All heavy atoms as atom14 arrays in JSON, in Angstrom:
{
  "sequence": "TTLCNTALDNPTQRNKMQLIRAAVKFLETDTVCYRVEEPVAL",
  "atom14_mask": [
    [1, 1, 1, 1, 1, 1, 1, 0, 0, 0, 0, 0, 0, 0],
    [1, 1, 1, 1, 1, 1, 1, 0, 0, 0, 0, 0, 0, 0],
    [1, 1, 1, 1, 1, 1, 1, 1, 0, 0, 0, 0, 0, 0],
    [1, 1, 1, 1, 1, 1, 0, 0, 0, 0, 0, 0, 0, 0],
    [1, 1, 1, 1, 1, 1, 1, 1, 0, 0, 0, 0, 0, 0],
    [1, 1, 1, 1, 1, 1, 1, 0, 0, 0, 0, 0, 0, 0],
    [1, 1, 1, 1, 1, 0, 0, 0, 0, 0, 0, 0, 0, 0],
    [1, 1, 1, 1, 1, 1, 1, 1, 0, 0, 0, 0, 0, 0],
    [1, 1, 1, 1, 1, 1, 1, 1, 0, 0, 0, 0, 0, 0],
    [1, 1, 1, 1, 1, 1, 1, 1, 0, 0, 0, 0, 0, 0],
    [1, 1, 1, 1, 1, 1, 1, 0, 0, 0, 0, 0, 0, 0],
    [1, 1, 1, 1, 1, 1, 1, 0, 0, 0, 0, 0, 0, 0],
    [1, 1, 1, 1, 1, 1, 1, 1, 1, 0, 0, 0, 0, 0],
    [1, 1, 1, 1, 1, 1, 1, 1, 1, 1, 1, 0, 0, 0],
    [1, 1, 1, 1, 1, 1, 1, 1, 0, 0, 0, 0, 0, 0],
    [1, 1, 1, 1, 1, 1, 1, 1, 1, 0, 0, 0, 0, 0],
    [1, 1, 1, 1, 1, 1, 1, 1, 0, 0, 0, 0, 0, 0],
    [1, 1, 1, 1, 1, 1, 1, 1, 1, 0, 0, 0, 0, 0],
    [1, 1, 1, 1, 1, 1, 1, 1, 0, 0, 0, 0, 0, 0],
    [1, 1, 1, 1, 1, 1, 1, 1, 0, 0, 0, 0, 0, 0],
    [1, 1, 1, 1, 1, 1, 1, 1, 1, 1, 1, 0, 0, 0],
    [1, 1, 1, 1, 1, 0, 0, 0, 0, 0, 0, 0, 0, 0],
    [1, 1, 1, 1, 1, 0, 0, 0, 0, 0, 0, 0, 0, 0],
    [1, 1, 1, 1, 1, 1, 1, 0, 0, 0, 0, 0, 0, 0],
    [1, 1, 1, 1, 1, 1, 1, 1, 1, 0, 0, 0, 0, 0],
    [1, 1, 1, 1, 1, 1, 1, 1, 1, 1, 1, 0, 0, 0],
    [1, 1, 1, 1, 1, 1, 1, 1, 0, 0, 0, 0, 0, 0],
    [1, 1, 1, 1, 1, 1, 1, 1, 1, 0, 0, 0, 0, 0],
    [1, 1, 1, 1, 1, 1, 1, 0, 0, 0, 0, 0, 0, 0],
    [1, 1, 1, 1, 1, 1, 1, 1, 0, 0, 0, 0, 0, 0],
    [1, 1, 1, 1, 1, 1, 1, 0, 0, 0, 0, 0, 0, 0],
    [1, 1, 1, 1, 1, 1, 1, 0, 0, 0, 0, 0, 0, 0],
    [1, 1, 1, 1, 1, 1, 0, 0, 0, 0, 0, 0, 0, 0],
    [1, 1, 1, 1, 1, 1, 1, 1, 1, 1, 1, 1, 0, 0],
    [1, 1, 1, 1, 1, 1, 1, 1, 1, 1, 1, 0, 0, 0],
    [1, 1, 1, 1, 1, 1, 1, 0, 0, 0, 0, 0, 0, 0],
    [1, 1, 1, 1, 1, 1, 1, 1, 1, 0, 0, 0, 0, 0],
    [1, 1, 1, 1, 1, 1, 1, 1, 1, 0, 0, 0, 0, 0],
    [1, 1, 1, 1, 1, 1, 1, 0, 0, 0, 0, 0, 0, 0],
    [1, 1, 1, 1, 1, 1, 1, 0, 0, 0, 0, 0, 0, 0],
    [1, 1, 1, 1, 1, 0, 0, 0, 0, 0, 0, 0, 0, 0],
    [1, 1, 1, 1, 1, 1, 1, 1, 0, 0, 0, 0, 0, 0]
  ],
  "atom14_positions": [
    [[121.62, -78.26, 166.48], [120.28, -78.08, 165.93], [120.33, -77.31, 164.62], [119.68, -77.67, 163.64], [119.37, -77.34, 166.94], [119.26, -78.12, 168.13], [117.98, -77.1, 166.36], [0.0, 0.0, 0.0], [0.0, 0.0, 0.0], [0.0, 0.0, 0.0], [0.0, 0.0, 0.0], [0.0, 0.0, 0.0], [0.0, 0.0, 0.0], [0.0, 0.0, 0.0]],
    [[121.13, -76.24, 164.6], [121.27, -75.42, 163.39], [121.85, -76.23, 162.24], [121.4, -76.13, 161.09], [122.15, -74.2, 163.69], [121.57, -73.41, 164.73], [122.3, -73.32, 162.45], [0.0, 0.0, 0.0], [0.0, 0.0, 0.0], [0.0, 0.0, 0.0], [0.0, 0.0, 0.0], [0.0, 0.0, 0.0], [0.0, 0.0, 0.0], [0.0, 0.0, 0.0]],
    [[122.86, -77.04, 162.54], [123.48, -77.86, 161.5], [122.5, -78.9, 160.95], [122.46, -79.16, 159.75], [124.72, -78.56, 162.05], [125.97, -77.67, 162.15], [127.04, -78.32, 163.03], [126.53, -77.4, 160.76], [0.0, 0.0, 0.0], [0.0, 0.0, 0.0], [0.0, 0.0, 0.0], [0.0, 0.0, 0.0], [0.0, 0.0, 0.0], [0.0, 0.0, 0.0]],
    [[121.69, -79.48, 161.83], [120.68, -80.44, 161.37], [119.65, -79.75, 160.48], [119.23, -80.31, 159.45], [119.99, -81.09, 162.57], [121.03, -82.24, 163.5], [0.0, 0.0, 0.0], [0.0, 0.0, 0.0], [0.0, 0.0, 0.0], [0.0, 0.0, 0.0], [0.0, 0.0, 0.0], [0.0, 0.0, 0.0], [0.0, 0.0, 0.0], [0.0, 0.0, 0.0]],
    [[119.22, -78.55, 160.87], [118.28, -77.8, 160.04], [118.85, -77.57, 158.65], [118.15, -77.7, 157.63], [117.97, -76.45, 160.69], [116.98, -76.56, 161.83], [116.15, -77.46, 161.84], [117.07, -75.67, 162.79], [0.0, 0.0, 0.0], [0.0, 0.0, 0.0], [0.0, 0.0, 0.0], [0.0, 0.0, 0.0], [0.0, 0.0, 0.0], [0.0, 0.0, 0.0]],
    [[120.13, -77.19, 158.59], [120.78, -76.93, 157.32], [120.85, -78.19, 156.47], [120.61, -78.17, 155.26], [122.2, -76.37, 157.54], [122.13, -75.2, 158.38], [122.85, -75.99, 156.22], [0.0, 0.0, 0.0], [0.0, 0.0, 0.0], [0.0, 0.0, 0.0], [0.0, 0.0, 0.0], [0.0, 0.0, 0.0], [0.0, 0.0, 0.0], [0.0, 0.0, 0.0]],
    [[121.19, -79.32, 157.11], [121.28, -80.58, 156.38], [119.91, -81.03, 155.87], [119.8, -81.55, 154.75], [121.89, -81.65, 157.28], [0.0, 0.0, 0.0], [0.0, 0.0, 0.0], [0.0, 0.0, 0.0], [0.0, 0.0, 0.0], [0.0, 0.0, 0.0], [0.0, 0.0, 0.0], [0.0, 0.0, 0.0], [0.0, 0.0, 0.0], [0.0, 0.0, 0.0]],
    [[118.87, -80.81, 156.64], [117.53, -81.25, 156.26], [116.9, -80.35, 155.19], [116.3, -80.84, 154.24], [116.63, -81.31, 157.49], [116.89, -82.45, 158.47], [116.21, -82.19, 159.81], [116.41, -83.78, 157.87], [0.0, 0.0, 0.0], [0.0, 0.0, 0.0], [0.0, 0.0, 0.0], [0.0, 0.0, 0.0], [0.0, 0.0, 0.0], [0.0, 0.0, 0.0]],
    [[117.05, -79.04, 155.36], [116.4, -78.1, 154.44], [117.27, -77.74, 153.24], [116.75, -77.36, 152.19], [116.02, -76.82, 155.18], [114.8, -77.0, 156.07], [114.14, -78.04, 155.94], [114.53, -76.11, 156.9], [0.0, 0.0, 0.0], [0.0, 0.0, 0.0], [0.0, 0.0, 0.0], [0.0, 0.0, 0.0], [0.0, 0.0, 0.0], [0.0, 0.0, 0.0]],
    [[118.61, -77.83, 153.41], [119.54, -77.46, 152.33], [119.11, -76.13, 151.7], [118.77, -76.07, 150.5], [119.62, -78.56, 151.28], [120.75, -78.33, 150.28], [121.64, -77.52, 150.49], [120.71, -79.06, 149.17], [0.0, 0.0, 0.0], [0.0, 0.0, 0.0], [0.0, 0.0, 0.0], [0.0, 0.0, 0.0], [0.0, 0.0, 0.0], [0.0, 0.0, 0.0]],
    [[119.1, -75.05, 152.47], [118.55, -73.77, 151.99], [119.23, -73.22, 150.75], [118.61, -72.49, 149.98], [118.73, -72.84, 153.19], [119.82, -73.46, 154.0], [119.65, -74.93, 153.83], [0.0, 0.0, 0.0], [0.0, 0.0, 0.0], [0.0, 0.0, 0.0], [0.0, 0.0, 0.0], [0.0, 0.0, 0.0], [0.0, 0.0, 0.0], [0.0, 0.0, 0.0]],
    [[120.52, -73.55, 150.54], [121.22, -73.04, 149.35], [121.09, -73.99, 148.16], [121.63, -73.72, 147.09], [122.71, -72.81, 149.66], [123.28, -74.01, 150.2], [122.88, -71.69, 150.67], [0.0, 0.0, 0.0], [0.0, 0.0, 0.0], [0.0, 0.0, 0.0], [0.0, 0.0, 0.0], [0.0, 0.0, 0.0], [0.0, 0.0, 0.0], [0.0, 0.0, 0.0]],
    [[120.4, -75.14, 148.38], [120.09, -76.08, 147.3], [121.35, -76.53, 146.54], [121.37, -76.58, 145.32], [119.1, -75.45, 146.31], [117.73, -75.17, 146.9], [117.05, -76.45, 147.43], [116.87, -77.4, 146.7], [116.71, -76.44, 148.71], [0.0, 0.0, 0.0], [0.0, 0.0, 0.0], [0.0, 0.0, 0.0], [0.0, 0.0, 0.0], [0.0, 0.0, 0.0]],
    [[122.39, -76.88, 147.3], [123.62, -77.37, 146.67], [123.67, -78.89, 146.72], [123.2, -79.5, 147.68], [124.84, -76.77, 147.36], [125.02, -75.29, 147.09], [126.25, -74.75, 147.79], [126.12, -74.88, 149.23], [127.14, -74.67, 150.09], [128.33, -74.36, 149.63], [126.94, -74.78, 151.37], [0.0, 0.0, 0.0], [0.0, 0.0, 0.0], [0.0, 0.0, 0.0]],
    [[124.26, -79.48, 145.7], [124.44, -80.93, 145.69], [125.77, -81.29, 146.33], [126.54, -80.41, 146.76], [124.33, -81.49, 144.26], [125.38, -80.89, 143.31], [126.5, -80.58, 143.71], [124.99, -80.73, 142.06], [0.0, 0.0, 0.0], [0.0, 0.0, 0.0], [0.0, 0.0, 0.0], [0.0, 0.0, 0.0], [0.0, 0.0, 0.0], [0.0, 0.0, 0.0]],
    [[126.08, -82.57, 146.37], [127.28, -83.05, 147.06], [128.54, -82.47, 146.46], [129.43, -81.99, 147.18], [127.31, -84.58, 147.03], [128.48, -85.17, 147.81], [128.37, -86.69, 147.89], [129.51, -87.26, 148.75], [129.4, -88.73, 148.92], [0.0, 0.0, 0.0], [0.0, 0.0, 0.0], [0.0, 0.0, 0.0], [0.0, 0.0, 0.0], [0.0, 0.0, 0.0]],
    [[128.68, -82.48, 145.15], [129.9, -81.98, 144.53], [130.07, -80.48, 144.74], [131.19, -80.0, 144.91], [129.88, -82.31, 143.03], [131.2, -81.98, 142.32], [132.69, -82.65, 143.17], [132.41, -84.41, 142.99], [0.0, 0.0, 0.0], [0.0, 0.0, 0.0], [0.0, 0.0, 0.0], [0.0, 0.0, 0.0], [0.0, 0.0, 0.0], [0.0, 0.0, 0.0]],
    [[128.99, -79.74, 144.77], [129.09, -78.3, 145.03], [129.59, -78.04, 146.45], [130.39, -77.13, 146.68], [127.72, -77.64, 144.81], [127.33, -77.53, 143.35], [125.91, -77.01, 143.17], [124.99, -77.41, 143.9], [125.71, -76.12, 142.22], [0.0, 0.0, 0.0], [0.0, 0.0, 0.0], [0.0, 0.0, 0.0], [0.0, 0.0, 0.0], [0.0, 0.0, 0.0]],
    [[129.13, -78.84, 147.41], [129.63, -78.72, 148.79], [131.11, -79.02, 148.85], [131.88, -78.33, 149.52], [128.86, -79.67, 149.7], [127.49, -79.24, 150.2], [126.81, -80.39, 150.94], [127.59, -78.02, 151.1], [0.0, 0.0, 0.0], [0.0, 0.0, 0.0], [0.0, 0.0, 0.0], [0.0, 0.0, 0.0], [0.0, 0.0, 0.0], [0.0, 0.0, 0.0]],
    [[131.53, -80.07, 148.15], [132.94, -80.47, 148.16], [133.81, -79.39, 147.53], [134.86, -79.02, 148.07], [133.12, -81.82, 147.42], [132.45, -82.94, 148.22], [134.59, -82.12, 147.2], [132.4, -84.27, 147.49], [0.0, 0.0, 0.0], [0.0, 0.0, 0.0], [0.0, 0.0, 0.0], [0.0, 0.0, 0.0], [0.0, 0.0, 0.0], [0.0, 0.0, 0.0]],
    [[133.4, -78.88, 146.38], [134.18, -77.85, 145.7], [134.3, -76.58, 146.55], [135.34, -75.94, 146.58], [133.52, -77.51, 144.35], [133.56, -78.64, 143.33], [134.97, -78.92, 142.85], [135.0, -79.98, 141.83], [136.12, -80.51, 141.36], [137.28, -80.1, 141.81], [136.07, -81.47, 140.45], [0.0, 0.0, 0.0], [0.0, 0.0, 0.0], [0.0, 0.0, 0.0]],
    [[133.22, -76.24, 147.24], [133.26, -75.05, 148.11], [134.24, -75.24, 149.25], [134.96, -74.31, 149.63], [131.86, -74.77, 148.66], [0.0, 0.0, 0.0], [0.0, 0.0, 0.0], [0.0, 0.0, 0.0], [0.0, 0.0, 0.0], [0.0, 0.0, 0.0], [0.0, 0.0, 0.0], [0.0, 0.0, 0.0], [0.0, 0.0, 0.0], [0.0, 0.0, 0.0]],
    [[134.3, -76.45, 149.8], [135.23, -76.74, 150.9], [136.67, -76.7, 150.41], [137.55, -76.08, 151.04], [134.92, -78.1, 151.5], [0.0, 0.0, 0.0], [0.0, 0.0, 0.0], [0.0, 0.0, 0.0], [0.0, 0.0, 0.0], [0.0, 0.0, 0.0], [0.0, 0.0, 0.0], [0.0, 0.0, 0.0], [0.0, 0.0, 0.0], [0.0, 0.0, 0.0]],
    [[136.94, -77.32, 149.27], [138.3, -77.37, 148.73], [138.79, -75.99, 148.3], [139.98, -75.7, 148.36], [138.37, -78.38, 147.56], [139.74, -78.34, 146.88], [138.09, -79.79, 148.06], [0.0, 0.0, 0.0], [0.0, 0.0, 0.0], [0.0, 0.0, 0.0], [0.0, 0.0, 0.0], [0.0, 0.0, 0.0], [0.0, 0.0, 0.0], [0.0, 0.0, 0.0]],
    [[137.86, -75.13, 147.9], [138.24, -73.78, 147.47], [138.92, -73.0, 148.58], [139.71, -72.08, 148.33], [137.0, -73.03, 146.97], [137.32, -71.7, 146.28], [136.1, -71.11, 145.64], [136.42, -69.75, 144.99], [137.46, -69.89, 143.94], [0.0, 0.0, 0.0], [0.0, 0.0, 0.0], [0.0, 0.0, 0.0], [0.0, 0.0, 0.0], [0.0, 0.0, 0.0]],
    [[138.65, -73.38, 149.84], [139.28, -72.7, 150.97], [140.8, -72.89, 150.98], [141.52, -72.14, 151.63], [138.68, -73.18, 152.3], [137.53, -72.37, 152.77], [136.25, -72.64, 152.35], [137.72, -71.3, 153.64], [135.17, -71.89, 152.79], [136.65, -70.53, 154.08], [135.37, -70.82, 153.65], [0.0, 0.0, 0.0], [0.0, 0.0, 0.0], [0.0, 0.0, 0.0]],
    [[141.29, -73.92, 150.28], [142.73, -74.12, 150.21], [143.44, -72.91, 149.61], [144.58, -72.6, 149.96], [143.05, -75.36, 149.35], [143.29, -76.69, 150.07], [143.53, -77.79, 149.06], [144.44, -76.58, 151.06], [0.0, 0.0, 0.0], [0.0, 0.0, 0.0], [0.0, 0.0, 0.0], [0.0, 0.0, 0.0], [0.0, 0.0, 0.0], [0.0, 0.0, 0.0]],
    [[142.78, -72.22, 148.7], [143.38, -71.08, 148.02], [143.61, -69.91, 148.97], [144.44, -69.04, 148.7], [142.51, -70.66, 146.85], [142.3, -71.75, 145.8], [141.26, -71.38, 144.77], [140.75, -70.24, 144.83], [140.95, -72.22, 143.9], [0.0, 0.0, 0.0], [0.0, 0.0, 0.0], [0.0, 0.0, 0.0], [0.0, 0.0, 0.0], [0.0, 0.0, 0.0]],
    [[142.86, -69.86, 150.05], [143.0, -68.76, 151.02], [143.18, -69.3, 152.43], [142.81, -68.65, 153.4], [141.76, -67.84, 150.98], [140.59, -68.64, 151.21], [141.63, -67.15, 149.64], [0.0, 0.0, 0.0], [0.0, 0.0, 0.0], [0.0, 0.0, 0.0], [0.0, 0.0, 0.0], [0.0, 0.0, 0.0], [0.0, 0.0, 0.0], [0.0, 0.0, 0.0]],
    [[143.75, -70.51, 152.54], [143.87, -71.16, 153.84], [144.73, -70.33, 154.8], [145.82, -69.88, 154.45], [144.49, -72.55, 153.66], [144.2, -73.46, 154.83], [144.73, -73.21, 155.93], [143.43, -74.42, 154.65], [0.0, 0.0, 0.0], [0.0, 0.0, 0.0], [0.0, 0.0, 0.0], [0.0, 0.0, 0.0], [0.0, 0.0, 0.0], [0.0, 0.0, 0.0]],
    [[144.23, -70.16, 156.01], [144.9, -69.34, 157.02], [146.36, -69.73, 157.21], [147.24, -68.86, 157.26], [144.16, -69.45, 158.37], [142.87, -68.86, 158.25], [144.94, -68.73, 159.47], [0.0, 0.0, 0.0], [0.0, 0.0, 0.0], [0.0, 0.0, 0.0], [0.0, 0.0, 0.0], [0.0, 0.0, 0.0], [0.0, 0.0, 0.0], [0.0, 0.0, 0.0]],
    [[146.65, -71.02, 157.31], [148.01, -71.46, 157.65], [148.96, -71.38, 156.47], [150.16, -71.62, 156.63], [148.0, -72.89, 158.22], [147.15, -72.97, 159.47], [147.51, -73.9, 157.18], [0.0, 0.0, 0.0], [0.0, 0.0, 0.0], [0.0, 0.0, 0.0], [0.0, 0.0, 0.0], [0.0, 0.0, 0.0], [0.0, 0.0, 0.0], [0.0, 0.0, 0.0]],
    [[148.45, -71.05, 155.28], [149.32, -70.94, 154.11], [149.77, -69.52, 153.85], [150.7, -69.29, 153.08], [148.59, -71.48, 152.87], [148.28, -73.25, 152.93], [0.0, 0.0, 0.0], [0.0, 0.0, 0.0], [0.0, 0.0, 0.0], [0.0, 0.0, 0.0], [0.0, 0.0, 0.0], [0.0, 0.0, 0.0], [0.0, 0.0, 0.0], [0.0, 0.0, 0.0]],
    [[149.11, -68.55, 154.47], [149.48, -67.14, 154.29], [150.43, -66.72, 155.41], [150.06, -66.75, 156.59], [148.23, -66.26, 154.3], [147.55, -66.17, 152.96], [146.71, -67.17, 152.52], [147.78, -65.09, 152.12], [146.08, -67.11, 151.28], [147.16, -65.0, 150.88], [146.32, -66.01, 150.46], [145.71, -65.94, 149.23], [0.0, 0.0, 0.0], [0.0, 0.0, 0.0]],
    [[151.63, -66.3, 155.05], [152.64, -65.94, 156.04], [153.05, -64.47, 155.89], [152.82, -63.84, 154.85], [153.87, -66.83, 155.87], [153.57, -68.33, 155.85], [153.01, -68.81, 157.17], [152.62, -70.22, 157.13], [153.46, -71.23, 157.38], [154.73, -70.98, 157.68], [153.02, -72.48, 157.32], [0.0, 0.0, 0.0], [0.0, 0.0, 0.0], [0.0, 0.0, 0.0]],
    [[153.64, -63.95, 156.95], [154.17, -62.58, 156.91], [155.69, -62.64, 156.95], [156.28, -63.64, 157.36], [153.66, -61.76, 158.11], [152.14, -61.66, 158.08], [154.14, -62.34, 159.43], [0.0, 0.0, 0.0], [0.0, 0.0, 0.0], [0.0, 0.0, 0.0], [0.0, 0.0, 0.0], [0.0, 0.0, 0.0], [0.0, 0.0, 0.0], [0.0, 0.0, 0.0]],
    [[156.33, -61.56, 156.53], [157.78, -61.45, 156.62], [158.18, -60.58, 157.82], [159.24, -60.76, 158.4], [158.35, -60.86, 155.33], [158.18, -61.79, 154.13], [158.74, -61.19, 152.85], [158.63, -59.94, 152.69], [159.29, -61.94, 152.02], [0.0, 0.0, 0.0], [0.0, 0.0, 0.0], [0.0, 0.0, 0.0], [0.0, 0.0, 0.0], [0.0, 0.0, 0.0]],
    [[157.29, -59.65, 158.16], [157.51, -58.77, 159.31], [156.19, -58.63, 160.08], [155.12, -58.66, 159.47], [158.0, -57.39, 158.86], [159.37, -57.41, 158.23], [159.81, -56.02, 157.81], [158.94, -55.11, 157.78], [161.0, -55.83, 157.54], [0.0, 0.0, 0.0], [0.0, 0.0, 0.0], [0.0, 0.0, 0.0], [0.0, 0.0, 0.0], [0.0, 0.0, 0.0]],
    [[156.27, -58.46, 161.39], [157.46, -58.48, 162.23], [158.1, -59.88, 162.29], [157.39, -60.89, 162.11], [156.93, -58.05, 163.59], [155.49, -58.43, 163.57], [155.03, -58.25, 162.16], [0.0, 0.0, 0.0], [0.0, 0.0, 0.0], [0.0, 0.0, 0.0], [0.0, 0.0, 0.0], [0.0, 0.0, 0.0], [0.0, 0.0, 0.0], [0.0, 0.0, 0.0]],
    [[159.37, -59.9, 162.53], [160.13, -61.15, 162.52], [159.59, -62.14, 163.55], [159.52, -63.34, 163.31], [161.63, -60.88, 162.75], [162.4, -62.21, 162.83], [162.2, -60.0, 161.66], [0.0, 0.0, 0.0], [0.0, 0.0, 0.0], [0.0, 0.0, 0.0], [0.0, 0.0, 0.0], [0.0, 0.0, 0.0], [0.0, 0.0, 0.0], [0.0, 0.0, 0.0]],
    [[159.2, -61.62, 164.71], [158.71, -62.49, 165.78], [157.45, -63.23, 165.34], [157.29, -64.42, 165.62], [158.44, -61.67, 167.04], [0.0, 0.0, 0.0], [0.0, 0.0, 0.0], [0.0, 0.0, 0.0], [0.0, 0.0, 0.0], [0.0, 0.0, 0.0], [0.0, 0.0, 0.0], [0.0, 0.0, 0.0], [0.0, 0.0, 0.0], [0.0, 0.0, 0.0]],
    [[156.55, -62.55, 164.64], [155.33, -63.19, 164.16], [155.64, -64.19, 163.06], [155.06, -65.28, 163.01], [154.33, -62.14, 163.67], [153.02, -62.68, 163.08], [152.3, -63.58, 164.08], [152.12, -61.52, 162.65], [0.0, 0.0, 0.0], [0.0, 0.0, 0.0], [0.0, 0.0, 0.0], [0.0, 0.0, 0.0], [0.0, 0.0, 0.0], [0.0, 0.0, 0.0]]
  ]
}
């Protein structure tokens, strides 16, 4: 229901390309791309 509300009202007033750019921007801080060196087990 919340997602439908967001799609219908578009409260942040973003267009399609702005949505796409925001999604792709997550690549720069993607969880699986950030690694640790210690502890070795992790």
